[in-house]
Amino acid sequence: MNAPLSDKPVRHILALSGGKDSSALAVFMKDKVPDMEYVFCDTGDELQETYDYLDKLEFFLGKKIIRINADRPFSHYLKLYNGVLPDARTRWCTRMLKIVPYEKYVGNDRVVNYVGIRADEPYRTGYISTKEGVRAVYPFVENNIRKADVFKILEDAGLGLPSYYEWRSRSGCFFCFFQQKVEWVGLLERHPDLFQKAMAYEKADPLTGERFTWCQGESLAELSRPERVAEIKAQFAKKQAAKPKSAANLSLKDVFAGDDMGDQACLMCHL
């Protein structure tokens, strides 16, 4: 049985992922809702680039972004799940490190939850709480704000895009299983320490030989071999060259910033 709803005033909450859309929504909503709570569910395994961008956004907003932490780290839950890494079907990392802490923060209050889905994303729904008192609203959809508008909002605010878009198409944990292989190469080259940490989470069952790897059919140790890195980069370059001329000439930052993941992305991690 659900606990009764609080009789406190309605709270207004905008959950940030560290990505372009939720950040642009925070800029768009600035001064529109004076008592807005800006929150970020911090797994402790985010990229430094994400933390740096949130600091910039916080300075622009002139208001503290509340960091919500899970009660246990990723490594604790990995043991709980017997070393089985999260994947697109289970996504237990999102549930335990993002959704559970967020819903604990919301409690039984009445909440308006502001979601950064754009007008040109009819295929996405975002994270929708099952709590009785939480109502989702979509300001970008209501105001017909699209991808190009999001870029302009961030540029006009002097924020630009998060720097991780130079090599990565998403916010979220450094070991996110939704990364393309070329993004794993980016992690290897830019954050070799984090790549090694992600690699250490992979393992093989000594009895069955079953492998638990971030990339299906390939371990990070295999992916990091120089010849494999060169192959992945060549495949990515070939894919870009095959695109229309206007897209093929884009910088990597523009390529990754425009690489929407559709309904694949974890619901809270990548808004």
Foldseek 3Di string as FASTA:
>chain_A
DDDAADPDDAAEEQEDQLFLQSLLVLLVCQPVDVRYAAEYQCLVQWDVLSVVLQVVSCVLSVHDHHYFFFPDHPVVVCVVVVLADDDLVRPVCCVRRPVVSVCVVVDRYQYEYEDRDALPFPLDDFDDDPRPRYHYDYVRNVVRNDDVNSQVSCVVSVSGGRPLLLFAQFTDGQLQLPTDLSSLVVCCVPPVVSNVVQLVSWDADPVPRRTRASHPPDHSVRCPDPVNNVVSVVVVLVVLVPDPPVSSPDRSSVVSPPPDPRHSDDRSNGD
